Protein backbone atom coordinates (compact mmCIF):
# COMPACT_ATOMS: atom_id res chain seq x y z
CA UNK A 1 5.87 37.76 64.17
CA UNK A 2 8.26 34.96 63.29
CA UNK A 3 5.31 32.59 62.82
CA UNK A 4 3.62 35.05 60.45
CA UNK A 5 6.82 35.49 58.46
CA UNK A 6 7.23 31.70 58.26
CA UNK A 7 3.65 31.33 57.05
CA UNK A 8 4.26 33.91 54.32
CA UNK A 9 7.38 32.05 53.18
CA UNK A 10 5.49 28.74 53.04
CA UNK A 11 2.64 30.32 51.06
CA UNK A 12 5.10 31.94 48.65
CA UNK A 13 6.84 28.59 48.17
CA UNK A 14 3.54 26.85 47.37
CA UNK A 15 2.60 29.52 44.84
CA UNK A 16 6.02 29.28 43.17
CA UNK A 17 5.75 25.49 43.06
CA UNK A 18 2.32 25.63 41.43
CA UNK A 19 3.57 28.16 38.86
CA UNK A 20 6.58 26.02 37.97
CA UNK A 21 4.41 22.91 37.66
CA UNK A 22 2.01 24.57 35.25
CA UNK A 23 4.94 25.71 33.11
CA UNK A 24 6.34 22.20 32.66
CA UNK A 25 6.23 20.87 29.09
CA UNK A 26 3.05 18.92 28.36
CA UNK A 27 3.81 15.70 26.52
CA UNK A 28 0.39 15.57 24.83
CA UNK A 29 0.68 19.09 23.46
CA UNK A 30 4.17 18.29 22.18
CA UNK A 31 2.77 15.19 20.54
CA UNK A 32 -0.01 17.15 18.81
CA UNK A 33 2.53 19.59 17.41
CA UNK A 34 4.12 16.83 15.31
CA UNK A 35 1.47 17.30 12.58
CA UNK A 36 0.18 20.39 10.79
CA UNK A 37 -3.35 18.95 10.67
CA UNK A 38 -4.59 18.09 14.15
CA UNK A 39 -7.78 16.17 13.34
CA UNK A 40 -8.85 13.52 10.83
CA UNK A 41 -12.06 11.64 10.04
CA UNK A 42 -11.83 7.96 9.14
CA UNK A 43 -14.94 6.62 7.36
CA UNK A 44 -15.16 2.84 7.29
CA UNK A 45 -17.58 -0.08 7.27
CA UNK A 46 -17.32 -3.50 8.88
CA UNK A 47 -17.76 -5.25 5.52
CA UNK A 48 -14.90 -3.35 3.86
CA UNK A 49 -11.76 -5.50 3.53
CA UNK A 50 -9.54 -2.46 2.88
CA UNK A 51 -10.90 -0.77 6.03
CA UNK A 52 -10.07 -3.90 7.98
CA UNK A 53 -6.57 -3.83 6.51
CA UNK A 54 -6.11 -0.26 7.78
CA UNK A 55 -7.15 -1.40 11.26
CA UNK A 56 -5.07 -4.58 11.23
CA UNK A 57 -1.96 -2.62 10.30
CA UNK A 58 -2.50 -0.37 13.33
CA UNK A 59 -2.54 2.69 11.09
CA UNK A 60 -5.15 4.61 13.11
CA UNK A 61 -3.37 3.88 16.41
CA UNK A 62 -0.11 5.16 14.92
CA UNK A 63 -1.77 8.35 13.69
CA UNK A 64 -3.31 8.96 17.13
CA UNK A 65 0.12 8.39 18.69
CA UNK A 66 1.29 11.45 16.74
CA UNK A 67 -1.28 13.55 18.59
CA UNK A 68 -3.88 13.65 15.81
CA UNK A 69 -7.49 13.24 16.90
CA UNK A 70 -9.15 10.59 14.71
CA UNK A 71 -12.94 10.51 14.49
CA UNK A 72 -13.89 7.00 13.41
CA UNK A 73 -17.28 6.86 11.66
CA UNK A 74 -18.98 3.69 10.45
CA UNK A 75 -20.42 4.97 7.18
CA UNK A 76 -22.91 2.10 7.01
CA UNK A 77 -24.79 3.04 10.17
CA UNK A 78 -23.65 6.49 11.33
CA UNK A 79 -24.38 9.97 9.91
CA UNK A 80 -22.01 10.93 7.09
CA UNK A 81 -20.93 14.56 6.82
CA UNK A 82 -19.09 14.41 3.49
CA UNK A 83 -19.65 13.19 -0.06
CA UNK A 84 -17.55 10.27 -1.25
CA UNK A 85 -18.00 7.11 -3.31
CA UNK A 86 -16.64 4.42 -1.03
CA UNK A 87 -14.68 3.47 2.03
CA UNK A 88 -12.12 3.70 3.42
CA UNK A 89 -12.19 7.48 3.17
CA UNK A 90 -10.05 9.94 5.10
CA UNK A 91 -10.99 13.59 5.63
CA UNK A 92 -8.29 16.08 6.61
CA UNK A 93 -9.34 19.68 6.81
CA UNK A 94 -11.27 20.41 3.61
CA UNK A 95 -9.70 17.58 1.62
CA UNK A 96 -11.22 14.14 1.10
CA UNK A 97 -9.10 11.10 0.23
CA UNK A 98 -10.89 7.88 -0.72
CA UNK A 99 -9.20 4.51 -0.95
CA UNK A 100 -6.66 2.56 1.05
CA UNK A 101 -3.80 4.56 2.54
CA UNK A 102 -0.73 3.40 4.42
CA UNK A 103 0.45 5.04 7.62
CA UNK A 104 3.28 6.75 5.73
CA UNK A 105 0.87 8.17 3.16
CA UNK A 106 -1.44 9.51 5.83
CA UNK A 107 1.45 10.90 7.84
CA UNK A 108 2.60 12.86 4.80
CA UNK A 109 -0.91 14.15 4.04
CA UNK A 110 -1.25 15.30 7.66
CA UNK A 111 2.04 17.16 7.42
CA UNK A 112 3.65 15.27 10.28
CA UNK A 113 7.32 15.63 11.08
CA UNK A 114 9.51 12.55 11.07
CA UNK A 115 10.39 12.55 14.75
CA UNK A 116 13.01 10.15 16.07
CA UNK A 117 11.46 6.84 17.06
CA UNK A 118 8.28 7.57 15.11
CA UNK A 119 6.31 4.64 13.73
CA UNK A 120 7.04 3.70 10.15
CA UNK A 121 5.38 1.20 7.88
CA UNK A 122 8.88 0.21 6.78
CA UNK A 123 9.92 -0.92 10.25
CA UNK A 124 10.58 -4.66 10.44
CA UNK A 125 10.15 -4.91 6.65
CA UNK A 126 12.71 -6.76 4.51
CA UNK A 127 15.52 -4.48 3.43
CA UNK A 128 16.33 -6.28 0.19
CA UNK A 129 14.27 -5.29 -2.83
CA UNK A 130 13.84 -8.96 -3.67
CA UNK A 131 12.25 -9.91 -0.35
CA UNK A 132 8.67 -8.64 -0.53
CA UNK A 133 6.22 -11.08 0.98
CA UNK A 134 4.49 -12.05 -2.27
CA UNK A 135 1.48 -14.25 -1.47
CA UNK A 136 0.27 -15.06 -4.99
CA UNK A 137 1.50 -17.61 -7.52
CA UNK A 138 5.27 -17.13 -7.58
CA UNK A 139 5.85 -19.50 -10.49
CA UNK A 140 9.20 -20.62 -11.79
CA UNK A 141 12.34 -18.54 -11.61
CA UNK A 142 13.74 -17.34 -14.95
CA UNK A 143 16.84 -15.32 -15.75
CA UNK A 144 17.65 -12.35 -17.92
CA UNK A 145 20.26 -13.03 -20.56
CA UNK A 146 21.40 -10.12 -22.70
CA UNK A 147 18.39 -8.16 -21.34
CA UNK A 148 15.94 -10.83 -22.53
CA UNK A 149 13.92 -13.72 -21.14
CA UNK A 150 13.37 -16.63 -23.49
CA UNK A 151 10.63 -19.24 -23.01
CA UNK A 152 9.71 -22.21 -25.20
CA UNK A 153 6.56 -21.27 -27.12
CA UNK A 154 5.39 -24.88 -27.28
CA UNK A 155 4.45 -25.05 -23.60
CA UNK A 156 1.67 -22.47 -24.03
CA UNK A 157 -0.37 -24.45 -26.57
CA UNK A 158 -3.08 -25.27 -24.02
CA UNK A 159 -3.94 -21.57 -23.52
CA UNK A 160 -3.08 -21.84 -19.83
CA UNK A 161 -1.22 -19.02 -18.11
CA UNK A 162 2.25 -19.83 -16.78
CA UNK A 163 3.61 -17.84 -13.87
CA UNK A 164 7.23 -16.75 -13.43
CA UNK A 165 9.49 -14.53 -11.39
CA UNK A 166 12.72 -12.81 -12.35
CA UNK A 167 15.30 -10.90 -10.32
CA UNK A 168 16.11 -7.62 -12.01
CA UNK A 169 19.62 -6.09 -12.09
CA UNK A 170 18.69 -3.79 -9.16
CA UNK A 171 17.76 -6.80 -7.00
CA UNK A 172 13.98 -6.40 -7.21
CA UNK A 173 11.92 -9.51 -8.00
CA UNK A 174 9.17 -9.10 -10.62
CA UNK A 175 6.30 -11.61 -10.71
CA UNK A 176 4.52 -12.06 -14.03
CA UNK A 177 2.63 -14.50 -16.23
CA UNK A 178 2.54 -15.44 -19.91
CA UNK A 179 -0.48 -16.80 -21.76
CA UNK A 180 -1.37 -17.63 -25.37
CA UNK A 181 -4.88 -16.58 -26.38
CA UNK A 182 -7.11 -18.47 -28.81
CA UNK A 183 -5.97 -16.22 -31.66
CA UNK A 184 -2.41 -17.45 -31.23
CA UNK A 185 -1.10 -14.24 -29.63
CA UNK A 186 1.34 -14.56 -26.73
CA UNK A 187 0.78 -12.04 -23.95
CA UNK A 188 2.74 -11.11 -20.81
CA UNK A 189 1.54 -9.14 -17.81
CA UNK A 190 2.50 -8.48 -14.21
CA UNK A 191 1.04 -10.75 -11.57
CA UNK A 192 -0.26 -7.56 -9.90
CA UNK A 193 -2.42 -4.53 -10.63
CA UNK A 194 -2.28 -0.84 -9.75
CA UNK A 195 -5.22 -1.12 -7.32
CA UNK A 196 -4.53 -4.30 -5.34
CA UNK A 197 -0.75 -4.62 -5.69
CA UNK A 198 -0.05 -3.91 -2.00
CA UNK A 199 -1.92 -7.07 -1.02
CA UNK A 200 0.68 -9.08 -3.00
CA UNK A 201 -1.92 -11.74 -3.85
CA UNK A 202 -1.70 -11.58 -7.66
CA UNK A 203 -3.99 -13.26 -10.21
CA UNK A 204 -5.21 -16.73 -11.19
CA UNK A 205 -6.79 -18.22 -14.31
CA UNK A 206 -10.36 -19.51 -14.45
CA UNK A 207 -11.35 -20.77 -17.89
CA UNK A 208 -10.81 -18.02 -20.44
CA UNK A 209 -10.40 -15.30 -17.80
CA UNK A 210 -7.68 -13.99 -15.52
CA UNK A 211 -9.06 -13.24 -12.05
CA UNK A 212 -7.72 -10.91 -9.34
CA UNK A 213 -7.18 -12.90 -6.14
CA UNK A 214 -7.95 -9.85 -4.00
CA UNK A 215 -11.04 -8.18 -5.46
CA UNK A 216 -12.30 -10.87 -7.89
CA UNK A 217 -12.31 -8.68 -11.01
CA UNK A 218 -12.12 -10.72 -14.22
CA UNK A 219 -10.37 -10.06 -17.53
CA UNK A 220 -10.65 -12.01 -20.81
CA UNK A 221 -7.33 -13.48 -21.91
CA UNK A 222 -7.71 -11.70 -25.26
CA UNK A 223 -7.44 -8.33 -23.44
CA UNK A 224 -4.46 -9.10 -21.23
CA UNK A 225 -1.73 -6.42 -21.44
CA UNK A 226 -3.92 -4.11 -23.53
CA UNK A 227 -5.17 -1.83 -20.72
CA UNK A 228 -3.18 0.00 -18.07
CA UNK A 229 -4.41 1.16 -14.66
CA UNK A 230 -7.28 0.06 -12.46
CA UNK A 231 -7.25 -3.63 -11.55
CA UNK A 232 -5.92 -4.73 -14.95
CA UNK A 233 -2.81 -6.91 -14.73
CA UNK A 234 0.08 -4.53 -15.33
CA UNK A 235 0.87 -4.68 -19.07
CA UNK A 236 4.25 -6.03 -20.12
CA UNK A 237 3.61 -6.91 -23.76
CA UNK A 238 0.34 -7.63 -25.58
CA UNK A 239 1.97 -9.36 -28.56
CA UNK A 240 5.25 -11.08 -27.71
CA UNK A 241 7.78 -11.78 -30.42
CA UNK A 242 8.54 -15.42 -31.21
CA UNK A 243 11.92 -16.39 -32.65
CA UNK A 244 13.06 -19.93 -33.42
CA UNK A 245 10.29 -21.39 -31.29
CA UNK A 246 11.03 -19.16 -28.32
CA UNK A 247 9.02 -16.30 -26.82
CA UNK A 248 11.13 -13.18 -26.25
CA UNK A 249 10.39 -10.87 -23.30
CA UNK A 250 12.48 -7.70 -23.18
CA UNK A 251 13.91 -6.37 -19.91
CA UNK A 252 12.69 -2.87 -20.82
CA UNK A 253 9.10 -4.18 -21.03
CA UNK A 254 9.35 -5.86 -17.63
CA UNK A 255 10.69 -2.66 -16.08
CA UNK A 256 7.36 -1.00 -16.92
CA UNK A 257 5.70 -2.91 -14.05
CA UNK A 258 8.51 -2.64 -11.49
CA UNK A 259 6.54 -0.18 -9.35
CA UNK A 260 3.95 -2.89 -8.62
CA UNK A 261 6.46 -4.90 -6.56
């Protein structure tokens, strides 16, 4: 009788142990609950430099670490289920987002909470606004005086772009260039564009054209600072004022391109 009673106690203990084990919090389910959208499709191709940038930054690994299932589809060789113009493209639920996205942008689109210790694209990044890792032509440093930059007009007679950088009152460094076209008009534009600015590679001059160092798009000097958006160099001023042999660049005009740096 005692043996039977002991056996019943042992069996009851095993059952209770199994029940308690199955009720323990599951780390993977907790991880998946960090985001409102639980699954994402990442369309890419091996020849896409922006897709490679997403991979090199570890963006997909960080998203998966939040518990989101990422279906990675090579659009060049695998069946495509959605309509889009180019890669990288991200599909979340019924919404399609084409173009490069940072981890922070994707995290926000997925509706993920900002849990303590969560990855962030800002981790290990310079804290000062003036310390971005600009990889293009930095040029010479110039200063604002009475909210103006003054440059000698005579140095632009060869129609060659000169590159400069200036530290704004808020500490942010703006990179820009000035060029005189063949009609005698002095133009200033950001050494960055709205499409490629996060590569921080800027522009260069080849003959009568300004060329994007990232995507290779070309722009005639006569059109610099006349068009905003796309890969156009961010417009500062398409017809700079000249006083007493000096080109005048207003602080307010430079502030128009601050978001590119």
